[in-house]
Amino acid sequence: MNQERIFQVLHAPHVSEKSSIVGDVHNQVVFEVAKSATKPEIAEAVASLFGVKVDGVTTTNVKPKQKRFRGRPGTRSGWKKAYVTLADGEEIDFLDGATQ
């Protein structure tokens, strides 16, 4: 996979209460990914960008929500979420020691 596609596949890490619990218990990291991304592409992108060994990838399509803005109905866009399981002993530190 070329470098350009790697940056198109991964959009951002998804930080929430659920993702931090999953990270602690199951050694997983949650990412927002492109809707067209496949599981092998996601695994290869995470492995090459962060230098870790990936055991598995599970994806979820998050459905769009119906909302109202100034009384008019609208729809938020849907997105794709990937749960990336890392090998034992592997870890991704997004802060790079900034909390020390």
Foldseek 3Di string as FASTA:
>chain_A
DDPVVLPQFFDAWDDDPVQVVCCVPQVKTKTWTAPPDDFVSPQVSCCVPQVFHWDGKDKDKACWDWDDDPRHIDIDHITMMMITHTDPPDDGDPCVPPVD
